[in-house]
Amino acid sequence: MADQSGVRRRRQWLACRIVAVLTLLVALSPLTMPAGISNPSLMGTPYTLWVSLLLTILLLVLTWLGSQLQAKRED
């Protein structure tokens, strides 16, 4: 039983790392700044700011999740 939970935690940790790398790739891709639009906005706020806020929140959640997974590993 303990071995299965260890495998599950390793898979969750791997998924967390993969999502973090994908988030980084999205942050550095043209998705954060659409091409051909000089001043993109969403609800009066710059589009880039919305994307940056969402990516920051996602990274914050991933950091919290990773800390929870590592805390269980040390127990």
N, C-alpha and C. Protein backbone atom coordinates (compact mmCIF):
# COMPACT_ATOMS: atom_id res chain seq x y z
N MET A 1 0.82 -1.19 0.00
CA MET A 1 0.00 0.00 0.00
C MET A 1 0.86 1.26 0.00
N ALA A 2 1.91 1.27 0.81
CA ALA A 2 2.79 2.43 0.87
C ALA A 2 3.52 2.63 -0.45
N ASP A 3 3.83 1.53 -1.13
CA ASP A 3 4.52 1.62 -2.40
C ASP A 3 3.64 2.27 -3.46
N GLN A 4 2.34 1.95 -3.46
CA GLN A 4 1.42 2.54 -4.43
C GLN A 4 1.25 4.03 -4.20
N SER A 5 1.21 4.47 -2.94
CA SER A 5 1.08 5.90 -2.68
C SER A 5 2.35 6.64 -3.08
N GLY A 6 3.51 5.98 -2.95
CA GLY A 6 4.76 6.58 -3.39
C GLY A 6 4.81 6.77 -4.89
N VAL A 7 4.31 5.78 -5.62
CA VAL A 7 4.25 5.87 -7.08
C VAL A 7 3.29 6.98 -7.49
N ARG A 8 2.16 7.05 -6.80
CA ARG A 8 1.18 8.09 -7.12
C ARG A 8 1.75 9.48 -6.87
N ARG A 9 2.47 9.66 -5.76
CA ARG A 9 3.08 10.95 -5.45
C ARG A 9 4.15 11.32 -6.47
N ARG A 10 4.93 10.34 -6.90
CA ARG A 10 5.95 10.61 -7.93
C ARG A 10 5.31 11.04 -9.24
N ARG A 11 4.20 10.40 -9.59
CA ARG A 11 3.48 10.79 -10.82
C ARG A 11 2.90 12.19 -10.67
N GLN A 12 2.36 12.50 -9.50
CA GLN A 12 1.81 13.84 -9.27
C GLN A 12 2.93 14.88 -9.33
N TRP A 13 4.09 14.57 -8.77
CA TRP A 13 5.21 15.49 -8.81
C TRP A 13 5.69 15.68 -10.25
N LEU A 14 5.73 14.60 -11.03
CA LEU A 14 6.11 14.70 -12.43
C LEU A 14 5.11 15.56 -13.20
N ALA A 15 3.83 15.35 -12.96
CA ALA A 15 2.79 16.15 -13.62
C ALA A 15 2.93 17.62 -13.24
N CYS A 16 3.24 17.89 -11.99
CA CYS A 16 3.43 19.26 -11.52
C CYS A 16 4.60 19.92 -12.27
N ARG A 17 5.69 19.19 -12.43
CA ARG A 17 6.84 19.74 -13.14
C ARG A 17 6.54 19.95 -14.61
N ILE A 18 5.82 19.03 -15.23
CA ILE A 18 5.47 19.18 -16.64
C ILE A 18 4.58 20.39 -16.86
N VAL A 19 3.59 20.57 -15.99
CA VAL A 19 2.70 21.73 -16.11
C VAL A 19 3.49 23.02 -15.91
N ALA A 20 4.45 23.03 -15.01
CA ALA A 20 5.27 24.22 -14.78
C ALA A 20 6.08 24.57 -16.03
N VAL A 21 6.66 23.56 -16.68
CA VAL A 21 7.42 23.81 -17.90
C VAL A 21 6.50 24.29 -19.03
N LEU A 22 5.33 23.69 -19.14
CA LEU A 22 4.37 24.13 -20.17
C LEU A 22 3.92 25.56 -19.90
N THR A 23 3.75 25.92 -18.63
CA THR A 23 3.38 27.29 -18.27
C THR A 23 4.48 28.26 -18.70
N LEU A 24 5.71 27.87 -18.48
CA LEU A 24 6.84 28.70 -18.91
C LEU A 24 6.85 28.87 -20.42
N LEU A 25 6.60 27.79 -21.14
CA LEU A 25 6.57 27.86 -22.60
C LEU A 25 5.44 28.77 -23.10
N VAL A 26 4.29 28.70 -22.45
CA VAL A 26 3.17 29.58 -22.83
C VAL A 26 3.53 31.03 -22.54
N ALA A 27 4.20 31.27 -21.41
CA ALA A 27 4.57 32.64 -21.04
C ALA A 27 5.54 33.25 -22.05
N LEU A 28 6.37 32.42 -22.66
CA LEU A 28 7.36 32.91 -23.62
C LEU A 28 6.89 32.80 -25.07
N SER A 29 5.68 32.36 -25.27
CA SER A 29 5.17 32.16 -26.63
C SER A 29 4.39 33.39 -27.11
N PRO A 30 4.02 33.39 -28.36
CA PRO A 30 3.21 34.50 -28.89
C PRO A 30 1.80 34.56 -28.29
N LEU A 31 1.40 33.59 -27.51
CA LEU A 31 0.07 33.63 -26.90
C LEU A 31 -0.07 34.79 -25.92
N THR A 32 1.04 35.22 -25.33
CA THR A 32 0.96 36.32 -24.38
C THR A 32 0.84 37.67 -25.06
N MET A 33 1.27 37.77 -26.31
CA MET A 33 1.15 39.00 -27.07
C MET A 33 0.73 38.67 -28.49
N PRO A 34 -0.55 38.81 -28.80
CA PRO A 34 -1.03 38.44 -30.13
C PRO A 34 -0.36 39.28 -31.23
N ALA A 35 -0.02 38.63 -32.32
CA ALA A 35 0.62 39.31 -33.44
C ALA A 35 -0.41 40.10 -34.25
N GLY A 36 0.02 41.23 -34.76
CA GLY A 36 -0.83 42.03 -35.63
C GLY A 36 -1.78 42.97 -34.90
N ILE A 37 -1.75 42.99 -33.59
CA ILE A 37 -2.61 43.88 -32.82
C ILE A 37 -1.70 44.82 -32.05
N SER A 38 -1.86 46.11 -32.28
CA SER A 38 -0.94 47.06 -31.65
C SER A 38 -1.23 47.26 -30.17
N ASN A 39 -2.49 47.19 -29.76
CA ASN A 39 -2.83 47.42 -28.36
C ASN A 39 -3.95 46.47 -27.93
N PRO A 40 -3.64 45.17 -27.76
CA PRO A 40 -4.70 44.23 -27.38
C PRO A 40 -5.17 44.47 -25.95
N SER A 41 -6.48 44.37 -25.75
CA SER A 41 -7.00 44.53 -24.38
C SER A 41 -8.19 43.61 -24.18
N LEU A 42 -8.48 43.34 -22.93
CA LEU A 42 -9.60 42.51 -22.54
C LEU A 42 -10.28 43.23 -21.38
N MET A 43 -11.51 43.64 -21.56
CA MET A 43 -12.27 44.40 -20.56
C MET A 43 -11.51 45.65 -20.12
N GLY A 44 -10.87 46.33 -21.06
CA GLY A 44 -10.17 47.57 -20.77
C GLY A 44 -8.80 47.40 -20.15
N THR A 45 -8.40 46.17 -19.88
CA THR A 45 -7.09 45.89 -19.29
C THR A 45 -6.23 45.21 -20.36
N PRO A 46 -4.96 45.58 -20.42
CA PRO A 46 -4.10 44.96 -21.44
C PRO A 46 -4.12 43.42 -21.36
N TYR A 47 -4.22 42.82 -22.51
CA TYR A 47 -4.28 41.36 -22.62
C TYR A 47 -3.07 40.70 -21.97
N THR A 48 -1.90 41.29 -22.16
CA THR A 48 -0.68 40.72 -21.59
C THR A 48 -0.75 40.69 -20.07
N LEU A 49 -1.37 41.69 -19.47
CA LEU A 49 -1.52 41.70 -18.01
C LEU A 49 -2.42 40.56 -17.55
N TRP A 50 -3.53 40.32 -18.26
CA TRP A 50 -4.42 39.21 -17.91
C TRP A 50 -3.69 37.87 -17.98
N VAL A 51 -2.97 37.66 -19.06
CA VAL A 51 -2.24 36.40 -19.24
C VAL A 51 -1.18 36.25 -18.15
N SER A 52 -0.47 37.33 -17.85
CA SER A 52 0.56 37.27 -16.81
C SER A 52 -0.04 36.96 -15.45
N LEU A 53 -1.17 37.56 -15.13
CA LEU A 53 -1.83 37.28 -13.85
C LEU A 53 -2.27 35.82 -13.76
N LEU A 54 -2.86 35.31 -14.82
CA LEU A 54 -3.31 33.91 -14.82
C LEU A 54 -2.13 32.94 -14.71
N LEU A 55 -1.05 33.23 -15.42
CA LEU A 55 0.12 32.37 -15.34
C LEU A 55 0.76 32.43 -13.95
N THR A 56 0.76 33.60 -13.34
CA THR A 56 1.31 33.74 -12.00
C THR A 56 0.48 32.96 -10.99
N ILE A 57 -0.83 33.05 -11.10
CA ILE A 57 -1.71 32.29 -10.20
C ILE A 57 -1.50 30.80 -10.40
N LEU A 58 -1.37 30.36 -11.65
CA LEU A 58 -1.12 28.94 -11.91
C LEU A 58 0.21 28.49 -11.30
N LEU A 59 1.26 29.29 -11.45
CA LEU A 59 2.54 28.93 -10.86
C LEU A 59 2.48 28.93 -9.34
N LEU A 60 1.69 29.82 -8.76
CA LEU A 60 1.52 29.84 -7.31
C LEU A 60 0.84 28.56 -6.83
N VAL A 61 -0.20 28.14 -7.53
CA VAL A 61 -0.90 26.89 -7.18
C VAL A 61 0.04 25.70 -7.34
N LEU A 62 0.82 25.69 -8.42
CA LEU A 62 1.77 24.59 -8.63
C LEU A 62 2.83 24.55 -7.53
N THR A 63 3.28 25.72 -7.08
CA THR A 63 4.26 25.78 -6.00
C THR A 63 3.67 25.23 -4.72
N TRP A 64 2.44 25.61 -4.43
CA TRP A 64 1.78 25.09 -3.22
C TRP A 64 1.60 23.58 -3.32
N LEU A 65 1.15 23.11 -4.47
CA LEU A 65 0.95 21.67 -4.66
C LEU A 65 2.26 20.92 -4.52
N GLY A 66 3.32 21.46 -5.13
CA GLY A 66 4.63 20.81 -5.01
C GLY A 66 5.12 20.77 -3.58
N SER A 67 4.88 21.83 -2.82
CA SER A 67 5.31 21.82 -1.42
C SER A 67 4.51 20.80 -0.60
N GLN A 68 3.24 20.63 -0.93
CA GLN A 68 2.44 19.62 -0.25
C GLN A 68 2.91 18.21 -0.58
N LEU A 69 3.26 17.98 -1.83
CA LEU A 69 3.75 16.67 -2.24
C LEU A 69 5.10 16.35 -1.60
N GLN A 70 5.97 17.34 -1.50
CA GLN A 70 7.28 17.12 -0.90
C GLN A 70 7.17 16.96 0.62
N ALA A 71 6.23 17.65 1.24
CA ALA A 71 6.04 17.50 2.69
C ALA A 71 5.58 16.08 3.02
N LYS A 72 4.71 15.53 2.21
CA LYS A 72 4.25 14.15 2.43
C LYS A 72 5.39 13.16 2.23
N ARG A 73 6.29 13.51 1.33
CA ARG A 73 7.42 12.62 1.03
C ARG A 73 8.38 12.53 2.22
N GLU A 74 8.53 13.63 2.95
CA GLU A 74 9.46 13.66 4.07
C GLU A 74 8.89 12.97 5.31
N ASP A 75 7.56 12.80 5.37
CA ASP A 75 6.94 12.16 6.55
C ASP A 75 7.21 10.69 6.63
